[in-house]
Amino acid sequence: MRSSALPRDSRPTAIRLLLSALAAVALAFAMLTAAPAPSAQAHGWISDPPSRQDLCYTGAVKDCGPVQYEPWSVEAKKGSMLCSGGGRFTELDNESRAWPRQNLTTNETFTWDIVANHSTSTWEYFVDGRLHTTINDNGAMPPKRFTHTITNLPEGNHKIFVRWNIADTVNAFYQCIDAYITPGGNPAPQPTATTPAPQPTATTPAPQPTTTTPAPQPGNGACTATVRAANSWGSGFQGEVTVTAGSAAITGWKVTVNGATITQAWNSTLSGSTTLANADWNGRLGAGASTTAGFIAGGSGSGLSATCTAS
């Protein structure tokens, strides 16, 4: 009978081939088990009303840098008051840029689009640097699209700043929306039979200018300014300046803040690192009228003072 065993001189070759195959399988298994599992990270942004990064993403604002390709990735450590969070998308912090203002109502709905969700601690909505609303999610996972309705927003030109604080990391996601807010909400007031819209009549003529009620005239009165630290963190703080016209109307103002090195401002124009000048919409003040402006600065926020010059 012929033996089925391999010839003596072929056995070492077969054994070597078998060992090589086993080694390849072992190596592949080791690579699979050693490869790290993809980490789940939250990514998302406010798309309606459009945030600054959404305006870049849709092309409404040009030359935004890389954020135009990933508006959902504006992420940095918690606690920042910068639109970029102090992260890599610093173009969002440029307050000298003419960011389009969005028409909002005093009761406004904000729509979030989530690319990758994560357990959430809180959602914080700020108006001009002041905390307005906190929504506590207690570690819940947000859906892919959802809304928040924020009520009692102040009228006028404001910057809405939003922080999405992640529950199980040290990071947050940041949004800024430049807004012009008018009265409104749910429901909008409608004329009724008992409250008809006013109509001109012979007995109630439309008001006419008179010498006793003149329109405000440009003035060169004085102004005063106060400054305070509204919020602070390690090496910086968020401040607020209040400008008040004196006994005569003014057409513009300029405030010098002592004790701060200002890096960012809103509702004003920053000159150098210590001087804030009025924006286009808040320079004209009647006698005794006031307006506010906000800023981000380095330092502790203690020992602040301000001087005001009117035009």
Protein backbone atom coordinates (compact mmCIF):
# COMPACT_ATOMS: atom_id res chain seq x y z
CA MET A 1 0.00 0.00 0.00
CA ARG A 2 1.26 3.48 -0.91
CA SER A 3 1.70 5.78 2.10
CA SER A 4 -0.24 9.10 2.02
CA ALA A 5 2.31 10.85 4.20
CA LEU A 6 4.25 13.74 2.71
CA PRO A 7 7.71 12.96 1.45
CA ARG A 8 10.33 13.47 4.09
CA ASP A 9 11.93 16.41 2.30
CA SER A 10 8.62 18.31 1.88
CA ARG A 11 7.49 18.22 5.53
CA PRO A 12 9.56 21.21 6.77
CA THR A 13 8.19 23.38 3.95
CA ALA A 14 4.58 22.50 4.79
CA ILE A 15 5.15 23.17 8.48
CA ARG A 16 6.71 26.55 7.69
CA LEU A 17 3.72 27.49 5.52
CA LEU A 18 1.29 26.48 8.25
CA LEU A 19 3.17 28.46 10.91
CA SER A 20 3.29 31.53 8.62
CA ALA A 21 -0.47 31.35 8.06
CA LEU A 22 -1.13 31.06 11.80
CA ALA A 23 1.15 34.02 12.50
CA ALA A 24 -0.68 36.16 9.93
CA VAL A 25 -4.04 35.32 11.52
CA ALA A 26 -2.70 36.13 14.99
CA LEU A 27 -1.29 39.47 13.78
CA ALA A 28 -4.58 40.46 12.16
CA PHE A 29 -6.49 39.59 15.35
CA ALA A 30 -4.06 41.62 17.45
CA MET A 31 -4.45 44.65 15.20
CA LEU A 32 -8.23 44.47 15.40
CA THR A 33 -8.28 44.17 19.18
CA ALA A 34 -5.65 46.88 19.67
CA ALA A 35 -7.34 49.45 17.42
CA PRO A 36 -9.14 52.04 19.57
CA ALA A 37 -12.90 52.23 19.27
CA PRO A 38 -14.10 55.49 17.72
CA SER A 39 -14.92 58.03 20.41
CA ALA A 40 -18.41 59.49 20.47
CA GLN A 41 -18.24 63.25 20.36
CA ALA A 42 -21.07 65.73 20.25
CA HIS A 43 -21.25 68.10 17.33
CA GLY A 44 -24.02 70.54 16.49
CA TRP A 45 -25.02 74.13 15.83
CA ILE A 46 -27.95 76.55 15.71
CA SER A 47 -29.22 76.75 12.13
CA ASP A 48 -32.34 78.88 12.65
CA PRO A 49 -32.11 81.75 13.26
CA PRO A 50 -28.72 81.39 11.61
CA SER A 51 -25.73 81.57 13.94
CA ARG A 52 -22.47 83.09 12.76
CA GLN A 53 -21.10 79.68 11.80
CA ASP A 54 -24.30 78.86 9.91
CA LEU A 55 -23.97 82.09 7.91
CA CYS A 56 -20.45 80.97 6.98
CA TYR A 57 -21.66 77.45 6.16
CA THR A 58 -24.40 78.65 3.81
CA GLY A 59 -22.15 81.23 2.15
CA ALA A 60 -24.13 84.23 3.39
CA VAL A 61 -20.84 85.45 4.92
CA LYS A 62 -17.62 84.87 2.98
CA ASP A 63 -13.99 84.34 4.00
CA CYS A 64 -14.76 82.64 7.31
CA GLY A 65 -11.92 80.16 7.27
CA PRO A 66 -12.42 76.44 7.95
CA VAL A 67 -15.61 76.90 10.01
CA GLN A 68 -17.50 77.25 6.72
CA TYR A 69 -16.95 73.50 6.20
CA GLU A 70 -17.81 72.32 9.72
CA PRO A 71 -20.14 74.68 11.59
CA TRP A 72 -20.95 71.84 14.00
CA SER A 73 -17.37 71.75 15.38
CA VAL A 74 -17.10 75.04 17.32
CA GLU A 75 -15.89 73.29 20.47
CA ALA A 76 -13.64 74.36 23.35
CA LYS A 77 -13.37 74.09 27.10
CA LYS A 78 -16.38 75.16 29.15
CA GLY A 79 -16.66 78.68 30.55
CA SER A 80 -15.57 80.84 27.63
CA MET A 81 -17.52 83.93 26.56
CA LEU A 82 -16.05 83.99 23.03
CA CYS A 83 -18.05 83.01 19.95
CA SER A 84 -15.27 80.56 19.08
CA GLY A 85 -15.03 79.39 22.68
CA GLY A 86 -11.36 80.31 22.43
CA GLY A 87 -10.86 77.44 20.01
CA ARG A 88 -9.54 77.30 16.46
CA PHE A 89 -12.34 79.19 14.65
CA THR A 90 -11.25 82.68 15.73
CA GLU A 91 -12.92 84.31 12.71
CA LEU A 92 -16.18 84.04 14.68
CA ASP A 93 -14.79 86.43 17.31
CA ASN A 94 -14.27 89.31 14.87
CA GLU A 95 -16.65 92.01 16.14
CA SER A 96 -15.47 94.54 13.55
CA ARG A 97 -17.06 92.40 10.85
CA ALA A 98 -20.54 93.34 9.60
CA TRP A 99 -22.32 90.16 10.73
CA PRO A 100 -25.89 90.22 9.35
CA ARG A 101 -28.48 90.89 12.05
CA GLN A 102 -31.35 88.42 12.25
CA ASN A 103 -34.90 89.60 12.88
CA LEU A 104 -36.03 87.92 16.10
CA THR A 105 -39.05 88.31 18.35
CA THR A 106 -39.07 88.66 22.11
CA ASN A 107 -40.30 85.04 22.26
CA GLU A 108 -38.03 83.22 19.82
CA THR A 109 -37.57 79.59 18.77
CA PHE A 110 -34.01 78.37 18.17
CA THR A 111 -33.45 75.26 16.01
CA TRP A 112 -30.47 72.98 16.67
CA ASP A 113 -29.02 70.48 14.18
CA ILE A 114 -26.98 67.73 15.83
CA VAL A 115 -24.45 65.78 13.79
CA ALA A 116 -23.29 63.54 16.67
CA ASN A 117 -25.14 63.72 19.95
CA HIS A 118 -23.79 63.33 23.45
CA SER A 119 -25.11 63.45 26.99
CA THR A 120 -25.86 67.07 27.88
CA SER A 121 -25.49 68.98 31.12
CA THR A 122 -27.02 72.38 30.30
CA TRP A 123 -27.87 74.77 27.50
CA GLU A 124 -27.09 78.40 28.42
CA TYR A 125 -28.50 81.41 26.54
CA PHE A 126 -26.87 84.82 27.14
CA VAL A 127 -27.95 88.28 25.94
CA ASP A 128 -25.08 90.76 25.60
CA GLY A 129 -23.03 88.69 28.01
CA ARG A 130 -25.72 88.32 30.68
CA LEU A 131 -27.13 84.88 31.41
CA HIS A 132 -30.79 84.92 30.33
CA THR A 133 -31.96 81.28 30.33
CA THR A 134 -30.52 77.93 31.48
CA ILE A 135 -32.04 74.64 30.30
CA ASN A 136 -30.94 71.64 32.39
CA ASP A 137 -30.92 68.33 30.48
CA ASN A 138 -29.54 66.20 33.35
CA GLY A 139 -27.31 64.12 31.09
CA ALA A 140 -29.94 63.41 28.41
CA MET A 141 -28.99 62.76 24.78
CA PRO A 142 -30.48 65.34 22.40
CA PRO A 143 -32.24 64.23 19.19
CA LYS A 144 -30.84 65.03 15.76
CA ARG A 145 -33.03 68.13 15.44
CA PHE A 146 -34.92 69.97 18.16
CA THR A 147 -35.88 73.47 19.28
CA HIS A 148 -35.69 75.71 22.34
CA THR A 149 -38.16 78.56 22.82
CA ILE A 150 -36.57 81.44 24.73
CA THR A 151 -38.99 84.04 26.10
CA ASN A 152 -38.79 87.64 27.32
CA LEU A 153 -35.85 88.62 25.14
CA PRO A 154 -35.13 92.37 25.26
CA GLU A 155 -36.00 94.53 22.27
CA GLY A 156 -33.37 96.17 20.08
CA ASN A 157 -29.94 95.19 18.81
CA HIS A 158 -28.36 92.42 20.86
CA LYS A 159 -25.89 89.56 20.61
CA ILE A 160 -27.26 86.15 21.60
CA PHE A 161 -24.49 83.88 22.91
CA VAL A 162 -25.21 80.19 23.55
CA ARG A 163 -23.22 77.46 25.31
CA TRP A 164 -24.01 73.74 24.95
CA ASN A 165 -22.29 72.13 27.95
CA ILE A 166 -21.46 68.43 27.54
CA ALA A 167 -22.12 66.30 30.64
CA ASP A 168 -19.17 63.90 30.57
CA THR A 169 -16.34 66.00 29.10
CA VAL A 170 -14.72 69.33 29.97
CA ASN A 171 -15.88 70.84 26.67
CA ALA A 172 -18.79 72.91 25.40
CA PHE A 173 -20.05 74.01 21.97
CA TYR A 174 -20.46 77.72 21.23
CA GLN A 175 -22.87 79.79 19.12
CA CYS A 176 -23.35 83.53 18.49
CA ILE A 177 -26.36 85.15 16.81
CA ASP A 178 -26.47 88.86 15.98
CA ALA A 179 -30.08 89.91 16.44
CA TYR A 180 -32.53 92.75 16.07
CA ILE A 181 -35.39 91.88 18.42
CA THR A 182 -38.92 93.23 18.11
CA PRO A 183 -42.06 92.49 20.15
CA GLY A 184 -43.75 89.24 19.28
CA GLY A 185 -44.19 85.61 20.14
CA ASN A 186 -47.06 83.20 20.44
CA PRO A 187 -49.62 84.41 19.69
CA ALA A 188 -48.98 87.70 17.94
CA PRO A 189 -51.52 90.38 18.98
CA GLN A 190 -54.37 90.84 16.49
CA PRO A 191 -56.85 93.74 16.16
CA THR A 192 -60.31 92.99 17.59
CA ALA A 193 -63.70 94.67 17.48
CA THR A 194 -63.13 96.02 20.97
CA THR A 195 -59.61 97.20 20.19
CA PRO A 196 -59.78 98.51 16.62
CA ALA A 197 -56.71 99.79 14.88
CA PRO A 198 -56.62 103.60 15.26
CA GLN A 199 -57.99 105.50 12.26
CA PRO A 200 -57.47 109.19 11.48
CA THR A 201 -60.61 111.27 12.08
CA ALA A 202 -61.51 114.92 11.93
CA THR A 203 -61.46 115.06 15.73
CA THR A 204 -58.23 113.07 16.09
CA PRO A 205 -55.93 114.40 13.37
CA ALA A 206 -52.53 112.88 12.80
CA PRO A 207 -49.95 114.59 15.04
CA GLN A 208 -48.19 117.52 13.43
CA PRO A 209 -44.82 118.98 14.42
CA THR A 210 -45.19 122.01 16.67
CA THR A 211 -42.80 124.42 18.26
CA THR A 212 -43.67 122.98 21.68
CA THR A 213 -42.69 119.37 20.77
CA PRO A 214 -39.65 119.68 18.52
CA ALA A 215 -37.81 116.64 17.19
CA PRO A 216 -34.56 115.92 19.07
CA GLN A 217 -31.75 118.10 17.81
CA PRO A 218 -28.07 117.22 17.74
CA GLY A 219 -26.38 118.38 20.87
CA ASN A 220 -22.96 118.56 22.40
CA GLY A 221 -23.92 117.87 25.99
CA ALA A 222 -21.83 115.93 28.44
CA CYS A 223 -22.11 112.25 29.28
CA THR A 224 -21.17 109.96 32.14
CA ALA A 225 -20.17 106.30 32.12
CA THR A 226 -20.10 103.48 34.64
CA VAL A 227 -18.40 100.12 34.20
CA ARG A 228 -18.73 96.79 35.98
CA ALA A 229 -17.46 93.22 35.67
CA ALA A 230 -20.51 91.08 34.87
CA ASN A 231 -18.67 87.74 34.77
CA SER A 232 -15.09 86.59 35.28
CA TRP A 233 -12.89 83.54 34.79
CA GLY A 234 -9.19 82.69 35.23
CA SER A 235 -7.41 85.42 33.29
CA GLY A 236 -10.27 87.49 31.93
CA PHE A 237 -13.72 88.89 32.48
CA GLN A 238 -16.81 90.14 30.70
CA GLY A 239 -17.63 93.80 31.39
CA GLU A 240 -20.51 96.17 30.81
CA VAL A 241 -20.43 99.93 30.26
CA THR A 242 -23.50 102.13 30.80
CA VAL A 243 -23.43 105.54 29.08
CA THR A 244 -25.86 108.28 30.18
CA ALA A 245 -26.36 111.62 28.45
CA GLY A 246 -26.34 114.75 30.56
CA SER A 247 -28.83 117.61 30.49
CA ALA A 248 -28.55 117.98 26.70
CA ALA A 249 -28.86 115.52 23.82
CA ILE A 250 -25.71 113.99 22.36
CA THR A 251 -24.99 112.54 18.92
CA GLY A 252 -22.13 110.27 19.87
CA TRP A 253 -19.99 109.07 22.75
CA LYS A 254 -16.61 107.60 23.52
CA VAL A 255 -15.71 105.76 26.74
CA THR A 256 -12.22 105.01 28.05
CA VAL A 257 -12.12 102.02 30.40
CA ASN A 258 -9.31 102.08 32.95
CA GLY A 259 -8.07 98.83 34.46
CA ALA A 260 -8.81 96.54 31.51
CA THR A 261 -7.22 95.36 28.29
CA ILE A 262 -10.20 94.92 25.96
CA THR A 263 -10.05 92.28 23.23
CA GLN A 264 -13.66 92.16 22.02
CA ALA A 265 -16.70 94.46 22.22
CA TRP A 266 -20.36 94.56 21.20
CA ASN A 267 -22.93 97.37 20.88
CA SER A 268 -19.86 99.58 20.36
CA THR A 269 -16.71 99.96 18.29
CA LEU A 270 -13.38 99.05 19.89
CA SER A 271 -10.44 101.42 19.39
CA GLY A 272 -7.11 100.20 20.70
CA SER A 273 -7.49 98.15 23.87
CA THR A 274 -9.19 100.63 26.22
CA THR A 275 -11.63 102.79 24.24
CA LEU A 276 -15.22 102.05 23.18
CA ALA A 277 -17.10 104.33 20.78
CA ASN A 278 -20.80 104.23 19.99
CA ALA A 279 -22.16 101.94 17.27
CA ASP A 280 -24.23 103.34 14.41
CA TRP A 281 -27.51 102.78 16.23
CA ASN A 282 -26.81 103.91 19.81
CA GLY A 283 -24.79 107.12 19.53
CA ARG A 284 -27.72 109.55 19.57
CA LEU A 285 -29.13 109.90 23.08
CA GLY A 286 -31.70 112.32 24.39
CA ALA A 287 -31.06 114.26 27.58
CA GLY A 288 -30.83 111.80 30.46
CA ALA A 289 -31.12 108.72 28.20
CA SER A 290 -28.82 105.71 28.59
CA THR A 291 -27.41 102.84 26.54
CA THR A 292 -25.14 99.89 27.31
CA ALA A 293 -22.21 98.16 25.63
CA GLY A 294 -20.34 94.99 26.53
CA PHE A 295 -16.78 93.79 26.21
CA ILE A 296 -14.34 90.95 26.92
CA ALA A 297 -11.05 91.90 28.56
CA GLY A 298 -7.99 90.47 30.21
CA GLY A 299 -7.44 90.96 33.91
CA SER A 300 -9.42 90.36 37.07
CA GLY A 301 -12.15 92.96 36.57
CA SER A 302 -11.38 94.73 39.84
CA GLY A 303 -10.56 98.42 40.20
CA LEU A 304 -12.38 99.44 37.01
CA SER A 305 -13.28 103.03 36.15
CA ALA A 306 -14.59 104.78 33.05
CA THR A 307 -14.64 108.27 31.57
CA CYS A 308 -17.04 109.46 28.87
CA THR A 309 -16.65 112.07 26.14
CA ALA A 310 -19.73 113.19 24.18
CA SER A 311 -20.15 114.76 20.77
